[in-house]
Amino acid sequence: MFTGVCGNYLAPSIRAAGLDPANLSESDPSKTNFGGHKSNAWKDIWGCGQGIADVNKVQSTADYVAQLKREHARARERVAPVPYLTSCG
């Protein structure tokens, strides 16, 4: 493919590099080449990480932060600290 290293890549960056994301050659680790394509695989073709499959919508940063705050508040409610007494003065 780009370097021989398996990974997840963003299709628009592959197209911008002049390649067709639907017709890429199979990755062959024995032919790893970090400079063999006219596009720089680490600069022009953008990796998107292993968690990309968990992305199911595009939203603003403000909406995402609000979602995280709601989820955090619900999680804290579920694991609220248990009241305790101390024997120290």
Protein backbone atom coordinates (compact mmCIF):
# COMPACT_ATOMS: atom_id res chain seq x y z
CA MET A 1 0.00 0.00 0.00
CA PHE A 2 1.75 3.21 1.11
CA THR A 3 4.50 1.82 3.30
CA GLY A 4 3.74 -1.88 3.74
CA VAL A 5 2.47 -1.14 7.24
CA CYS A 6 -1.14 -2.14 7.91
CA GLY A 7 -3.28 0.66 9.28
CA ASN A 8 -6.43 2.74 9.02
CA TYR A 9 -6.25 5.74 6.70
CA LEU A 10 -8.65 8.56 5.81
CA ALA A 11 -10.02 8.07 2.29
CA PRO A 12 -10.05 11.81 1.38
CA SER A 13 -6.31 12.03 2.05
CA ILE A 14 -5.72 8.94 -0.11
CA ARG A 15 -7.67 10.56 -2.97
CA ALA A 16 -5.77 13.85 -2.51
CA ALA A 17 -2.53 11.88 -2.94
CA GLY A 18 -3.76 10.71 -6.36
CA LEU A 19 -4.74 7.18 -5.33
CA ASP A 20 -8.06 5.35 -5.39
CA PRO A 21 -8.99 4.07 -1.89
CA ALA A 22 -11.14 1.31 -3.44
CA ASN A 23 -8.25 -0.03 -5.55
CA LEU A 24 -5.16 -0.21 -3.36
CA SER A 25 -2.68 -3.05 -3.46
CA GLU A 26 -2.46 -5.46 -0.55
CA SER A 27 -0.06 -4.57 2.22
CA ASP A 28 3.12 -6.69 2.22
CA PRO A 29 5.21 -6.16 5.38
CA SER A 30 8.23 -7.74 3.67
CA LYS A 31 8.21 -4.80 1.24
CA THR A 32 7.96 -2.04 3.83
CA ASN A 33 9.18 1.18 2.24
CA PHE A 34 8.90 4.47 4.05
CA GLY A 35 9.79 6.58 1.03
CA GLY A 36 8.73 4.70 -2.09
CA HIS A 37 5.60 6.63 -3.07
CA LYS A 38 5.52 10.21 -4.32
CA SER A 39 3.23 11.05 -1.38
CA ASN A 40 4.62 11.01 2.12
CA ALA A 41 2.59 8.37 3.93
CA TRP A 42 3.01 10.08 7.28
CA LYS A 43 2.33 13.61 6.02
CA ASP A 44 0.04 13.46 2.97
CA ILE A 45 -1.91 10.29 3.72
CA TRP A 46 -3.53 10.64 7.11
CA GLY A 47 -3.81 7.74 9.52
CA CYS A 48 -6.89 7.63 11.70
CA GLY A 49 -6.03 5.17 14.46
CA GLN A 50 -7.56 1.93 15.63
CA GLY A 51 -10.58 3.64 17.23
CA ILE A 52 -11.95 5.03 13.97
CA ALA A 53 -14.59 2.28 13.83
CA ASP A 54 -16.16 3.76 16.97
CA VAL A 55 -16.86 7.11 15.29
CA ASN A 56 -20.53 7.18 14.28
CA LYS A 57 -21.23 10.89 13.78
CA VAL A 58 -19.56 14.23 13.18
CA GLN A 59 -20.26 16.86 15.81
CA SER A 60 -18.82 20.12 17.04
CA THR A 61 -16.23 20.16 19.79
CA ALA A 62 -18.69 21.97 22.09
CA ASP A 63 -21.31 19.26 21.56
CA TYR A 64 -18.73 16.52 22.16
CA VAL A 65 -17.50 18.17 25.39
CA ALA A 66 -21.12 18.51 26.57
CA GLN A 67 -21.67 14.81 25.81
CA LEU A 68 -18.55 13.86 27.78
CA LYS A 69 -19.72 15.97 30.74
CA ARG A 70 -23.15 14.26 30.72
CA GLU A 71 -21.60 10.81 30.48
CA HIS A 72 -19.14 11.62 33.27
CA ALA A 73 -21.92 12.89 35.56
CA ARG A 74 -23.96 9.68 34.95
CA ALA A 75 -20.91 7.51 35.63
CA ARG A 76 -20.19 9.36 38.89
CA GLU A 77 -23.80 8.84 39.99
CA ARG A 78 -23.46 5.09 39.39
CA VAL A 79 -20.28 4.83 41.46
CA ALA A 80 -21.04 7.43 44.11
CA PRO A 81 -18.68 7.16 47.07
CA VAL A 82 -19.95 5.06 49.93
CA PRO A 83 -20.31 7.09 53.15
CA TYR A 84 -17.81 6.04 55.80
CA LEU A 85 -16.90 6.83 59.36
CA THR A 86 -13.41 7.23 60.69
CA SER A 87 -12.21 6.44 64.15
CA CYS A 88 -9.61 9.19 63.99
CA GLY A 89 -10.37 12.25 65.96
